[in-house]
Every structure is written in C-alpha cells, then in structure tokens.
Amino acid sequence: VQLVESGGGFMQPGGSLRLSCAASGFAFNRYAMSWYRRAPGKEREWVATIRVTSSRTNYADSVKGRFTISRDNAKSTVFLQMNSLGPEDTAVYYCNKAPWEGYSSWGQGTQVTVSS
C-alpha cells in the first residue's frame, strides 16, 4: 500500500490550494477515503471523508464551507480543494482510508503553511 500526497506549499491567508493523494496497492474504489492533518504540536485530526461513489461527503466543522473533498476512482486519487485558507490551516496533510475502514500505512504527507 502506498499513499502519496502532493500539492502543499506556502500560501497567504485567503488563498487556495488543491491537494492530491495518489493511492496504490489496494482496491481504492472499494473504500471511503479521508484527509487528515497534523498541526504543529497537536495530534493528527480528521478533516474530511468521501464515500466510494462520491455521493456523500463529511467535513470537520473547522473546514466546512471552505474545503471540498473529491475523488477519481479511475485514477485512484483523492483531492482536497482548500479555499479561504487561514493560519489555523497550517499543518501536514495526509490522506488515508476513512476511520472505520482501518488505516493503511501513512504516507509522508504534504506541508501546508499559511502565513502573511
């Protein structure tokens, strides 16, 4: 199993970024997928989940209305569109299976830094 996150970077407050996560080694189209993040000095937290058919999505209250999760099952890729970024969004972002699916090995994540 391999999860490779990309798309992070440095952004000023109010900006946008789109993260990607390429998955391999398991039947991607059979699992709900999620994004998680770990801010400096904090525990990893759940950010968003998308079901297999993309028909249902859920978001943490802290990102609701600003972030959008999507997936491309043909490419085994999950995305996170992040808008209206603020300093509180600074973290390393990871993708993995949804919490109830059982985690695969974590990737290295992608760093998002929001600062003026």
PDB file of N, CA and C in Angstrom:
ATOM      1  N   VAL A   1       0.844  -1.184   0.000  1.00  0.00           N
ATOM      2  CA  VAL A   1       0.000   0.000   0.000  1.00  0.00           C
ATOM      3  C   VAL A   1       0.890   1.249   0.000  1.00  0.00           C
ATOM      4  N   GLN A   2       0.513   2.180  -0.840  1.00  0.00           N
ATOM      5  CA  GLN A   2       1.256   3.438  -0.880  1.00  0.00           C
ATOM      6  C   GLN A   2       0.281   4.598  -1.049  1.00  0.00           C
ATOM      7  N   LEU A   3       0.481   5.623  -0.254  1.00  0.00           N
ATOM      8  CA  LEU A   3      -0.298   6.852  -0.331  1.00  0.00           C
ATOM      9  C   LEU A   3       0.697   7.987  -0.496  1.00  0.00           C
ATOM     10  N   VAL A   4       0.547   8.732  -1.580  1.00  0.00           N
ATOM     11  CA  VAL A   4       1.493   9.804  -1.885  1.00  0.00           C
ATOM     12  C   VAL A   4       0.731  11.115  -2.026  1.00  0.00           C
ATOM     13  N   GLU A   5       0.925  11.987  -1.040  1.00  0.00           N
ATOM     14  CA  GLU A   5       0.261  13.286  -1.034  1.00  0.00           C
ATOM     15  C   GLU A   5       1.134  14.329  -1.724  1.00  0.00           C
ATOM     16  N   SER A   6       0.481  15.285  -2.370  1.00  0.00           N
ATOM     17  CA  SER A   6       1.196  16.370  -3.038  1.00  0.00           C
ATOM     18  C   SER A   6       0.302  17.599  -3.118  1.00  0.00           C
ATOM     19  N   GLY A   7       0.897  18.711  -3.482  1.00  0.00           N
ATOM     20  CA  GLY A   7       0.134  19.929  -3.714  1.00  0.00           C
ATOM     21  C   GLY A   7       0.232  20.965  -2.617  1.00  0.00           C
ATOM     22  N   GLY A   8       0.902  20.645  -1.534  1.00  0.00           N
ATOM     23  CA  GLY A   8       1.047  21.615  -0.459  1.00  0.00           C
ATOM     24  C   GLY A   8       1.996  22.730  -0.835  1.00  0.00           C
ATOM     25  N   GLY A   9       2.102  23.689   0.058  1.00  0.00           N
ATOM     26  CA  GLY A   9       3.002  24.806  -0.190  1.00  0.00           C
ATOM     27  C   GLY A   9       2.747  25.928   0.777  1.00  0.00           C
ATOM     28  N   PHE A  10       3.307  27.076   0.427  1.00  0.00           N
ATOM     29  CA  PHE A  10       3.152  28.284   1.238  1.00  0.00           C
ATOM     30  C   PHE A  10       2.078  29.161   0.605  1.00  0.00           C
ATOM     31  N   MET A  11       1.188  29.660   1.448  1.00  0.00           N
ATOM     32  CA  MET A  11       0.081  30.465   0.922  1.00  0.00           C
ATOM     33  C   MET A  11      -0.229  31.584   1.899  1.00  0.00           C
ATOM     34  N   GLN A  12      -0.585  32.722   1.368  1.00  0.00           N
ATOM     35  CA  GLN A  12      -1.037  33.825   2.218  1.00  0.00           C
ATOM     36  C   GLN A  12      -2.481  33.589   2.644  1.00  0.00           C
ATOM     37  N   PRO A  13      -2.891  34.147   3.756  1.00  0.00           N
ATOM     38  CA  PRO A  13      -4.277  33.993   4.196  1.00  0.00           C
ATOM     39  C   PRO A  13      -5.259  34.413   3.111  1.00  0.00           C
ATOM     40  N   GLY A  14      -6.319  33.634   2.989  1.00  0.00           N
ATOM     41  CA  GLY A  14      -7.325  33.898   1.968  1.00  0.00           C
ATOM     42  C   GLY A  14      -7.084  33.158   0.664  1.00  0.00           C
ATOM     43  N   GLY A  15      -5.933  32.547   0.537  1.00  0.00           N
ATOM     44  CA  GLY A  15      -5.596  31.844  -0.692  1.00  0.00           C
ATOM     45  C   GLY A  15      -6.193  30.453  -0.779  1.00  0.00           C
ATOM     46  N   SER A  16      -5.863  29.761  -1.866  1.00  0.00           N
ATOM     47  CA  SER A  16      -6.396  28.419  -2.126  1.00  0.00           C
ATOM     48  C   SER A  16      -5.278  27.474  -2.526  1.00  0.00           C
ATOM     49  N   LEU A  17      -5.483  26.229  -2.192  1.00  0.00           N
ATOM     50  CA  LEU A  17      -4.583  25.158  -2.622  1.00  0.00           C
ATOM     51  C   LEU A  17      -5.411  23.922  -2.932  1.00  0.00           C
ATOM     52  N   ARG A  18      -4.906  23.102  -3.815  1.00  0.00           N
ATOM     53  CA  ARG A  18      -5.552  21.822  -4.111  1.00  0.00           C
ATOM     54  C   ARG A  18      -4.561  20.701  -3.860  1.00  0.00           C
ATOM     55  N   LEU A  19      -4.893  19.853  -2.916  1.00  0.00           N
ATOM     56  CA  LEU A  19      -4.052  18.720  -2.582  1.00  0.00           C
ATOM     57  C   LEU A  19      -4.503  17.487  -3.354  1.00  0.00           C
ATOM     58  N   SER A  20      -3.551  16.630  -3.673  1.00  0.00           N
ATOM     59  CA  SER A  20      -3.840  15.355  -4.333  1.00  0.00           C
ATOM     60  C   SER A  20      -3.220  14.230  -3.538  1.00  0.00           C
ATOM     61  N   CYS A  21      -3.822  13.068  -3.629  1.00  0.00           N
ATOM     62  CA  CYS A  21      -3.279  11.880  -2.984  1.00  0.00           C
ATOM     63  C   CYS A  21      -3.451  10.706  -3.936  1.00  0.00           C
ATOM     64  N   ALA A  22      -2.345  10.174  -4.390  1.00  0.00           N
ATOM     65  CA  ALA A  22      -2.359   9.016  -5.275  1.00  0.00           C
ATOM     66  C   ALA A  22      -2.217   7.751  -4.446  1.00  0.00           C
ATOM     67  N   ALA A  23      -3.166   6.844  -4.600  1.00  0.00           N
ATOM     68  CA  ALA A  23      -3.185   5.608  -3.816  1.00  0.00           C
ATOM     69  C   ALA A  23      -2.857   4.416  -4.699  1.00  0.00           C
ATOM     70  N   SER A  24      -2.192   3.438  -4.123  1.00  0.00           N
ATOM     71  CA  SER A  24      -1.901   2.203  -4.847  1.00  0.00           C
ATOM     72  C   SER A  24      -1.766   1.062  -3.856  1.00  0.00           C
ATOM     73  N   GLY A  25      -1.920  -0.158  -4.367  1.00  0.00           N
ATOM     74  CA  GLY A  25      -1.721  -1.333  -3.522  1.00  0.00           C
ATOM     75  C   GLY A  25      -2.977  -1.848  -2.843  1.00  0.00           C
ATOM     76  N   PHE A  26      -4.103  -1.205  -3.068  1.00  0.00           N
ATOM     77  CA  PHE A  26      -5.362  -1.718  -2.537  1.00  0.00           C
ATOM     78  C   PHE A  26      -6.497  -1.284  -3.471  1.00  0.00           C
ATOM     79  N   ALA A  27      -7.660  -1.872  -3.271  1.00  0.00           N
ATOM     80  CA  ALA A  27      -8.805  -1.592  -4.147  1.00  0.00           C
ATOM     81  C   ALA A  27      -9.427  -0.256  -3.766  1.00  0.00           C
ATOM     82  N   PHE A  28      -8.838   0.798  -4.295  1.00  0.00           N
ATOM     83  CA  PHE A  28      -9.222   2.169  -3.932  1.00  0.00           C
ATOM     84  C   PHE A  28     -10.720   2.381  -4.048  1.00  0.00           C
ATOM     85  N   ASN A  29     -11.330   1.851  -5.114  1.00  0.00           N
ATOM     86  CA  ASN A  29     -12.743   2.139  -5.365  1.00  0.00           C
ATOM     87  C   ASN A  29     -13.682   1.370  -4.447  1.00  0.00           C
ATOM     88  N   ARG A  30     -13.156   0.675  -3.472  1.00  0.00           N
ATOM     89  CA  ARG A  30     -13.985  -0.040  -2.510  1.00  0.00           C
ATOM     90  C   ARG A  30     -13.963   0.606  -1.124  1.00  0.00           C
ATOM     91  N   TYR A  31     -13.214   1.700  -0.985  1.00  0.00           N
ATOM     92  CA  TYR A  31     -13.038   2.288   0.333  1.00  0.00           C
ATOM     93  C   TYR A  31     -13.425   3.763   0.369  1.00  0.00           C
ATOM     94  N   ALA A  32     -14.091   4.144   1.444  1.00  0.00           N
ATOM     95  CA  ALA A  32     -14.233   5.559   1.731  1.00  0.00           C
ATOM     96  C   ALA A  32     -12.845   6.105   2.074  1.00  0.00           C
ATOM     97  N   MET A  33     -12.575   7.316   1.645  1.00  0.00           N
ATOM     98  CA  MET A  33     -11.262   7.918   1.849  1.00  0.00           C
ATOM     99  C   MET A  33     -11.406   9.230   2.611  1.00  0.00           C
ATOM    100  N   SER A  34     -10.364   9.568   3.329  1.00  0.00           N
ATOM    101  CA  SER A  34     -10.388  10.774   4.149  1.00  0.00           C
ATOM    102  C   SER A  34      -9.087  11.552   4.028  1.00  0.00           C
ATOM    103  N   TRP A  35      -9.171  12.805   4.389  1.00  0.00           N
ATOM    104  CA  TRP A  35      -8.000  13.647   4.614  1.00  0.00           C
ATOM    105  C   TRP A  35      -7.893  13.907   6.108  1.00  0.00           C
ATOM    106  N   TYR A  36      -6.667  13.974   6.555  1.00  0.00           N
ATOM    107  CA  TYR A  36      -6.348  14.272   7.947  1.00  0.00           C
ATOM    108  C   TYR A  36      -5.254  15.328   7.957  1.00  0.00           C
ATOM    109  N   ARG A  37      -5.039  15.937   9.102  1.00  0.00           N
ATOM    110  CA  ARG A  37      -3.941  16.896   9.208  1.00  0.00           C
ATOM    111  C   ARG A  37      -3.370  16.899  10.615  1.00  0.00           C
ATOM    112  N   ARG A  38      -2.106  17.268  10.693  1.00  0.00           N
ATOM    113  CA  ARG A  38      -1.435  17.406  11.984  1.00  0.00           C
ATOM    114  C   ARG A  38      -0.779  18.766  12.028  1.00  0.00           C
ATOM    115  N   ALA A  39      -1.293  19.604  12.893  1.00  0.00           N
ATOM    116  CA  ALA A  39      -0.731  20.936  13.083  1.00  0.00           C
ATOM    117  C   ALA A  39       0.446  20.843  14.050  1.00  0.00           C
ATOM    118  N   PRO A  40       1.344  21.812  14.013  1.00  0.00           N
ATOM    119  CA  PRO A  40       2.498  21.786  14.919  1.00  0.00           C
ATOM    120  C   PRO A  40       2.078  21.648  16.379  1.00  0.00           C
ATOM    121  N   GLY A  41       2.632  20.659  17.065  1.00  0.00           N
ATOM    122  CA  GLY A  41       2.345  20.473  18.476  1.00  0.00           C
ATOM    123  C   GLY A  41       1.000  19.861  18.796  1.00  0.00           C
ATOM    124  N   LYS A  42       0.292  19.413  17.771  1.00  0.00           N
ATOM    125  CA  LYS A  42      -1.041  18.848  18.010  1.00  0.00           C
ATOM    126  C   LYS A  42      -1.129  17.422  17.466  1.00  0.00           C
ATOM    127  N   GLU A  43      -2.179  16.729  17.884  1.00  0.00           N
ATOM    128  CA  GLU A  43      -2.430  15.389  17.378  1.00  0.00           C
ATOM    129  C   GLU A  43      -3.002  15.460  15.963  1.00  0.00           C
ATOM    130  N   ARG A  44      -2.859  14.382  15.243  1.00  0.00           N
ATOM    131  CA  ARG A  44      -3.475  14.304  13.919  1.00  0.00           C
ATOM    132  C   ARG A  44      -4.990  14.366  14.073  1.00  0.00           C
ATOM    133  N   GLU A  45      -5.654  15.125  13.203  1.00  0.00           N
ATOM    134  CA  GLU A  45      -7.101  15.246  13.270  1.00  0.00           C
ATOM    135  C   GLU A  45      -7.711  14.957  11.914  1.00  0.00           C
ATOM    136  N   TRP A  46      -8.928  14.474  11.976  1.00  0.00           N
ATOM    137  CA  TRP A  46      -9.697  14.188  10.765  1.00  0.00           C
ATOM    138  C   TRP A  46     -10.187  15.493  10.149  1.00  0.00           C
ATOM    139  N   VAL A  47     -10.167  15.576   8.820  1.00  0.00           N
ATOM    140  CA  VAL A  47     -10.582  16.782   8.115  1.00  0.00           C
ATOM    141  C   VAL A  47     -11.845  16.542   7.286  1.00  0.00           C
ATOM    142  N   ALA A  48     -11.844  15.489   6.474  1.00  0.00           N
ATOM    143  CA  ALA A  48     -12.970  15.260   5.564  1.00  0.00           C
ATOM    144  C   ALA A  48     -12.978  13.809   5.104  1.00  0.00           C
ATOM    145  N   THR A  49     -14.164  13.342   4.731  1.00  0.00           N
ATOM    146  CA  THR A  49     -14.343  11.975   4.218  1.00  0.00           C
ATOM    147  C   THR A  49     -15.232  11.987   2.996  1.00  0.00           C
ATOM    148  N   ILE A  50     -14.929  11.112   2.047  1.00  0.00           N
ATOM    149  CA  ILE A  50     -15.765  10.935   0.874  1.00  0.00           C
ATOM    150  C   ILE A  50     -16.046   9.439   0.710  1.00  0.00           C
ATOM    151  N   ARG A  51     -17.321   9.132   0.476  1.00  0.00           N
ATOM    152  CA  ARG A  51     -17.707   7.728   0.294  1.00  0.00           C
ATOM    153  C   ARG A  51     -17.240   7.225  -1.072  1.00  0.00           C
ATOM    154  N   VAL A  52     -17.426   5.947  -1.319  1.00  0.00           N
ATOM    155  CA  VAL A  52     -16.923   5.305  -2.528  1.00  0.00           C
ATOM    156  C   VAL A  52     -17.470   5.941  -3.795  1.00  0.00           C
ATOM    157  N   THR A  53     -18.754   6.234  -3.813  1.00  0.00           N
ATOM    158  CA  THR A  53     -19.387   6.762  -5.024  1.00  0.00           C
ATOM    159  C   THR A  53     -19.427   8.270  -5.068  1.00  0.00           C
ATOM    160  N   SER A  54     -18.756   8.910  -4.133  1.00  0.00           N
ATOM    161  CA  SER A  54     -18.708  10.382  -4.053  1.00  0.00           C
ATOM    162  C   SER A  54     -20.058  11.000  -3.747  1.00  0.00           C
ATOM    163  N   SER A  55     -21.021  10.182  -3.414  1.00  0.00           N
ATOM    164  CA  SER A  55     -22.352  10.718  -3.168  1.00  0.00           C
ATOM    165  C   SER A  55     -22.467  11.368  -1.791  1.00  0.00           C
ATOM    166  N   ARG A  56     -21.594  11.013  -0.892  1.00  0.00           N
ATOM    167  CA  ARG A  56     -21.663  11.585   0.445  1.00  0.00           C
ATOM    168  C   ARG A  56     -20.291  12.062   0.888  1.00  0.00           C
ATOM    169  N   THR A  57     -20.277  13.241   1.444  1.00  0.00           N
ATOM    170  CA  THR A  57     -19.052  13.799   2.000  1.00  0.00           C
ATOM    171  C   THR A  57     -19.340  14.352   3.392  1.00  0.00           C
ATOM    172  N   ASN A  58     -18.334  14.353   4.218  1.00  0.00           N
ATOM    173  CA  ASN A  58     -18.446  14.911   5.567  1.00  0.00           C
ATOM    174  C   ASN A  58     -17.203  15.735   5.857  1.00  0.00           C
ATOM    175  N   TYR A  59     -17.396  16.776   6.660  1.00  0.00           N
ATOM    176  CA  TYR A  59     -16.290  17.683   6.951  1.00  0.00           C
ATOM    177  C   TYR A  59     -16.243  18.015   8.434  1.00  0.00           C
ATOM    178  N   ALA A  60     -15.036  18.240   8.903  1.00  0.00           N
ATOM    179  CA  ALA A  60     -14.883  18.791  10.244  1.00  0.00           C
ATOM    180  C   ALA A  60     -15.465  20.198  10.259  1.00  0.00           C
ATOM    181  N   ASP A  61     -16.010  20.590  11.380  1.00  0.00           N
ATOM    182  CA  ASP A  61     -16.624  21.915  11.475  1.00  0.00           C
ATOM    183  C   ASP A  61     -15.636  23.020  11.119  1.00  0.00           C
ATOM    184  N   SER A  62     -14.381  22.806  11.424  1.00  0.00           N
ATOM    185  CA  SER A  62     -13.374  23.848  11.210  1.00  0.00           C
ATOM    186  C   SER A  62     -13.108  24.130   9.734  1.00  0.00           C
ATOM    187  N   VAL A  63     -13.497  23.209   8.847  1.00  0.00           N
ATOM    188  CA  VAL A  63     -13.218  23.412   7.420  1.00  0.00           C
ATOM    189  C   VAL A  63     -14.491  23.445   6.580  1.00  0.00           C
ATOM    190  N   LYS A  64     -15.624  23.193   7.190  1.00  0.00           N
ATOM    191  CA  LYS A  64     -16.886  23.123   6.454  1.00  0.00           C
ATOM    192  C   LYS A  64     -17.153  24.441   5.743  1.00  0.00           C
ATOM    193  N   GLY A  65     -17.506  24.335   4.474  1.00  0.00           N
ATOM    194  CA  GLY A  65     -17.775  25.524   3.678  1.00  0.00           C
ATOM    195  C   GLY A  65     -16.551  26.105   3.004  1.00  0.00           C
ATOM    196  N   ARG A  66     -15.363  25.634   3.393  1.00  0.00           N
ATOM    197  CA  ARG A  66     -14.124  26.147   2.791  1.00  0.00           C
ATOM    198  C   ARG A  66     -13.378  25.059   2.017  1.00  0.00           C
ATOM    199  N   PHE A  67     -13.454  23.827   2.484  1.00  0.00           N
ATOM    200  CA  PHE A  67     -12.750  22.717   1.863  1.00  0.00           C
ATOM    201  C   PHE A  67     -13.743  21.823   1.140  1.00  0.00           C
ATOM    202  N   THR A  68     -13.287  21.216   0.035  1.00  0.00           N
ATOM    203  CA  THR A  68     -14.096  20.261  -0.714  1.00  0.00           C
ATOM    204  C   THR A  68     -13.261  19.025  -1.037  1.00  0.00           C
ATOM    205  N   ILE A  69     -13.763  17.866  -0.637  1.00  0.00           N
ATOM    206  CA  ILE A  69     -13.087  16.613  -0.940  1.00  0.00           C
ATOM    207  C   ILE A  69     -13.741  15.986  -2.168  1.00  0.00           C
ATOM    208  N   SER A  70     -12.925  15.397  -3.022  1.00  0.00           N
ATOM    209  CA  SER A  70     -13.430  14.709  -4.205  1.00  0.00           C
ATOM    210  C   SER A  70     -12.507  13.542  -4.521  1.00  0.00           C
ATOM    211  N   ARG A  71     -12.928  12.704  -5.460  1.00  0.00           N
ATOM    212  CA  ARG A  71     -12.109  11.541  -5.801  1.00  0.00           C
ATOM    213  C   ARG A  71     -12.298  11.170  -7.256  1.00  0.00           C
ATOM    214  N   ASP A  72     -11.285  10.522  -7.803  1.00  0.00           N
ATOM    215  CA  ASP A  72     -11.327   9.979  -9.151  1.00  0.00           C
ATOM    216  C   ASP A  72     -10.976   8.501  -9.017  1.00  0.00           C
ATOM    217  N   ASN A  73     -11.984   7.650  -9.020  1.00  0.00           N
ATOM    218  CA  ASN A  73     -11.736   6.230  -8.805  1.00  0.00           C
ATOM    219  C   ASN A  73     -10.926   5.609  -9.940  1.00  0.00           C
ATOM    220  N   ALA A  74     -11.083   6.132 -11.149  1.00  0.00           N
ATOM    221  CA  ALA A  74     -10.337   5.594 -12.283  1.00  0.00           C
ATOM    222  C   ALA A  74      -8.839   5.840 -12.117  1.00  0.00           C
ATOM    223  N   LYS A  75      -8.485   6.889 -11.404  1.00  0.00           N
ATOM    224  CA  LYS A  75      -7.074   7.226 -11.202  1.00  0.00           C
ATOM    225  C   LYS A  75      -6.609   6.954  -9.776  1.00  0.00           C
ATOM    226  N   SER A  76      -7.482   6.363  -8.969  1.00  0.00           N
ATOM    227  CA  SER A  76      -7.138   6.056  -7.575  1.00  0.00           C
ATOM    228  C   SER A  76      -6.547   7.268  -6.868  1.00  0.00           C
ATOM    229  N   THR A  77      -7.220   8.374  -7.016  1.00  0.00           N
ATOM    230  CA  THR A  77      -6.731   9.642  -6.473  1.00  0.00           C
ATOM    231  C   THR A  77      -7.849  10.335  -5.717  1.00  0.00           C
ATOM    232  N   VAL A  78      -7.495  10.920  -4.587  1.00  0.00           N
ATOM    233  CA  VAL A  78      -8.439  11.739  -3.822  1.00  0.00           C
ATOM    234  C   VAL A  78      -7.857  13.146  -3.711  1.00  0.00           C
ATOM    235  N   PHE A  79      -8.738  14.127  -3.752  1.00  0.00           N
ATOM    236  CA  PHE A  79      -8.332  15.531  -3.789  1.00  0.00           C
ATOM    237  C   PHE A  79      -8.921  16.277  -2.589  1.00  0.00           C
ATOM    238  N   LEU A  80      -8.284  17.383  -2.266  1.00  0.00           N
ATOM    239  CA  LEU A  80      -8.822  18.294  -1.260  1.00  0.00           C
ATOM    240  C   LEU A  80      -8.623  19.719  -1.765  1.00  0.00           C
ATOM    241  N   GLN A  81      -9.702  20.347  -2.166  1.00  0.00           N
ATOM    242  CA  GLN A  81      -9.666  21.747  -2.562  1.00  0.00           C
ATOM    243  C   GLN A  81      -9.844  22.592  -1.313  1.00  0.00           C
ATOM    244  N   MET A  82      -8.884  23.452  -1.043  1.00  0.00           N
ATOM    245  CA  MET A  82      -8.902  24.267   0.170  1.00  0.00           C
ATOM    246  C   MET A  82      -8.969  25.736  -0.218  1.00  0.00           C
ATOM    247  N   ASN A  83     -10.030  26.392   0.183  1.00  0.00           N
ATOM    248  CA  ASN A  83     -10.225  27.812  -0.094  1.00  0.00           C
ATOM    249  C   ASN A  83     -10.250  28.611   1.201  1.00  0.00           C
ATOM    250  N   SER A  84     -10.105  29.898   1.070  1.00  0.00           N
ATOM    251  CA  SER A  84     -10.141  30.796   2.234  1.00  0.00           C
ATOM    252  C   SER A  84      -9.230  30.297   3.355  1.00  0.00           C
ATOM    253  N   LEU A  85      -8.028  29.967   2.978  1.00  0.00           N
ATOM    254  CA  LEU A  85      -7.087  29.418   3.949  1.00  0.00           C
ATOM    255  C   LEU A  85      -6.725  30.447   4.998  1.00  0.00           C
ATOM    256  N   GLY A  86      -6.536  29.953   6.210  1.00  0.00           N
ATOM    257  CA  GLY A  86      -6.102  30.795   7.312  1.00  0.00           C
ATOM    258  C   GLY A  86      -4.931  30.169   8.029  1.00  0.00           C
ATOM    259  N   PRO A  87      -4.269  30.931   8.887  1.00  0.00           N
ATOM    260  CA  PRO A  87      -3.111  30.381   9.614  1.00  0.00           C
ATOM    261  C   PRO A  87      -3.454  29.108  10.390  1.00  0.00           C
ATOM    262  N   GLU A  88      -4.704  28.970  10.813  1.00  0.00           N
ATOM    263  CA  GLU A  88      -5.113  27.772  11.561  1.00  0.00           C
ATOM    264  C   GLU A  88      -5.111  26.511  10.708  1.00  0.00           C
ATOM    265  N   ASP A  89      -4.987  26.674   9.396  1.00  0.00           N
ATOM    266  CA  ASP A  89      -4.935  25.522   8.495  1.00  0.00           C
ATOM    267  C   ASP A  89      -3.514  25.021   8.278  1.00  0.00           C
ATOM    268  N   THR A  90      -2.549  25.711   8.842  1.00  0.00           N
ATOM    269  CA  THR A  90      -1.163  25.269   8.733  1.00  0.00           C
ATOM    270  C   THR A  90      -0.991  23.904   9.384  1.00  0.00           C
ATOM    271  N   ALA A  91      -0.517  22.943   8.601  1.00  0.00           N
ATOM    272  CA  ALA A  91      -0.404  21.566   9.090  1.00  0.00           C
ATOM    273  C   ALA A  91       0.231  20.719   7.996  1.00  0.00           C
ATOM    274  N   VAL A  92       0.596  19.512   8.363  1.00  0.00           N
ATOM    275  CA  VAL A  92       0.924  18.488   7.378  1.00  0.00           C
ATOM    276  C   VAL A  92      -0.362  17.729   7.096  1.00  0.00           C
ATOM    277  N   TYR A  93      -0.704  17.604   5.827  1.00  0.00           N
ATOM    278  CA  TYR A  93      -1.944  16.967   5.421  1.00  0.00           C
ATOM    279  C   TYR A  93      -1.660  15.558   4.890  1.00  0.00           C
ATOM    280  N   TYR A  94      -2.481  14.631   5.322  1.00  0.00           N
ATOM    281  CA  TYR A  94      -2.360  13.233   4.946  1.00  0.00           C
ATOM    282  C   TYR A  94      -3.688  12.713   4.405  1.00  0.00           C
ATOM    283  N   CYS A  95      -3.612  11.757   3.509  1.00  0.00           N
ATOM    284  CA  CYS A  95      -4.822  11.027   3.142  1.00  0.00           C
ATOM    285  C   CYS A  95      -4.686   9.597   3.649  1.00  0.00           C
ATOM    286  N   ASN A  96      -5.811   8.965   3.836  1.00  0.00           N
ATOM    287  CA  ASN A  96      -5.853   7.566   4.232  1.00  0.00           C
ATOM    288  C   ASN A  96      -7.294   7.097   4.108  1.00  0.00           C
ATOM    289  N   LYS A  97      -7.515   5.839   4.387  1.00  0.00           N
ATOM    290  CA  LYS A  97      -8.886   5.338   4.385  1.00  0.00           C
ATOM    291  C   LYS A  97      -9.675   6.049   5.485  1.00  0.00           C
ATOM    292  N   ALA A  98     -10.974   6.016   5.367  1.00  0.00           N
ATOM    293  CA  ALA A  98     -11.841   6.576   6.396  1.00  0.00           C
ATOM    294  C   ALA A  98     -11.613   5.834   7.715  1.00  0.00           C
ATOM    295  N   PRO A  99     -11.869   6.509   8.838  1.00  0.00           N
ATOM    296  CA  PRO A  99     -11.533   5.908  10.136  1.00  0.00           C
ATOM    297  C   PRO A  99     -12.105   4.516  10.373  1.00  0.00           C
ATOM    298  N   TRP A 100     -13.313   4.251   9.906  1.00  0.00           N
ATOM    299  CA  TRP A 100     -13.937   2.957  10.163  1.00  0.00           C
ATOM    300  C   TRP A 100     -13.470   1.868   9.204  1.00  0.00           C
ATOM    301  N   GLU A 101     -12.685   2.260   8.174  1.00  0.00           N
ATOM    302  CA  GLU A 101     -12.216   1.286   7.188  1.00  0.00           C
ATOM    303  C   GLU A 101     -10.927   0.596   7.630  1.00  0.00           C
ATOM    304  N   GLY A 102     -10.259   1.152   8.640  1.00  0.00           N
ATOM    305  CA  GLY A 102      -8.947   0.623   9.020  1.00  0.00           C
ATOM    306  C   GLY A 102      -7.863   1.300   8.210  1.00  0.00           C
ATOM    307  N   TYR A 103      -6.944   1.935   8.903  1.00  0.00           N
ATOM    308  CA  TYR A 103      -5.925   2.715   8.217  1.00  0.00           C
ATOM    309  C   TYR A 103      -4.920   1.843   7.496  1.00  0.00           C
ATOM    310  N   SER A 104      -4.451   2.338   6.359  1.00  0.00           N
ATOM    311  CA  SER A 104      -3.276   1.789   5.707  1.00  0.00           C
ATOM    312  C   SER A 104      -2.049   2.519   6.254  1.00  0.00           C
ATOM    313  N   SER A 105      -0.892   2.123   5.786  1.00  0.00           N
ATOM    314  CA  SER A 105       0.322   2.817   6.223  1.00  0.00           C
ATOM    315  C   SER A 105       0.253   4.278   5.797  1.00  0.00           C
ATOM    316  N   TRP A 106       0.639   5.158   6.677  1.00  0.00           N
ATOM    317  CA  TRP A 106       0.572   6.590   6.382  1.00  0.00           C
ATOM    318  C   TRP A 106       1.689   6.993   5.424  1.00  0.00           C
ATOM    319  N   GLY A 107       1.353   7.915   4.523  1.00  0.00           N
ATOM    320  CA  GLY A 107       2.360   8.489   3.665  1.00  0.00           C
ATOM    321  C   GLY A 107       3.126   9.577   4.392  1.00  0.00           C
ATOM    322  N   GLN A 108       3.940  10.301   3.663  1.00  0.00           N
ATOM    323  CA  GLN A 108       4.746  11.357   4.275  1.00  0.00           C
ATOM    324  C   GLN A 108       3.977  12.655   4.456  1.00  0.00           C
ATOM    325  N   GLY A 109       2.841  12.752   3.778  1.00  0.00           N
ATOM    326  CA  GLY A 109       2.036  13.960   3.898  1.00  0.00           C
ATOM    327  C   GLY A 109       2.581  15.088   3.044  1.00  0.00           C
ATOM    328  N   THR A 110       1.829  16.169   3.005  1.00  0.00           N
ATOM    329  CA  THR A 110       2.256  17.366   2.284  1.00  0.00           C
ATOM    330  C   THR A 110       2.049  18.572   3.185  1.00  0.00           C
ATOM    331  N   GLN A 111       3.066  19.399   3.284  1.00  0.00           N
ATOM    332  CA  GLN A 111       3.040  20.537   4.207  1.00  0.00           C
ATOM    333  C   GLN A 111       2.268  21.698   3.609  1.00  0.00           C
ATOM    334  N   VAL A 112       1.351  22.232   4.385  1.00  0.00           N
ATOM    335  CA  VAL A 112       0.630  23.450   4.026  1.00  0.00           C
ATOM    336  C   VAL A 112       0.954  24.499   5.082  1.00  0.00           C
ATOM    337  N   THR A 113       1.462  25.626   4.634  1.00  0.00           N
ATOM    338  CA  THR A 113       1.793  26.721   5.537  1.00  0.00           C
ATOM    339  C   THR A 113       1.049  27.962   5.077  1.00  0.00           C
ATOM    340  N   VAL A 114       0.274  28.535   5.977  1.00  0.00           N
ATOM    341  CA  VAL A 114      -0.499  29.741   5.673  1.00  0.00           C
ATOM    342  C   VAL A 114      -0.021  30.856   6.590  1.00  0.00           C
ATOM    343  N   SER A 115       0.537  31.870   5.977  1.00  0.00           N
ATOM    344  CA  SER A 115       1.101  32.958   6.773  1.00  0.00           C
ATOM    345  C   SER A 115       1.203  34.209   5.925  1.00  0.00           C
ATOM    346  N   SER A 116       1.086  35.347   6.578  1.00  0.00           N
ATOM    347  CA  SER A 116       1.272  36.609   5.883  1.00  0.00           C
ATOM    348  C   SER A 116       2.718  37.095   6.009  1.00  0.00           C
TER     349      SER A 116
END
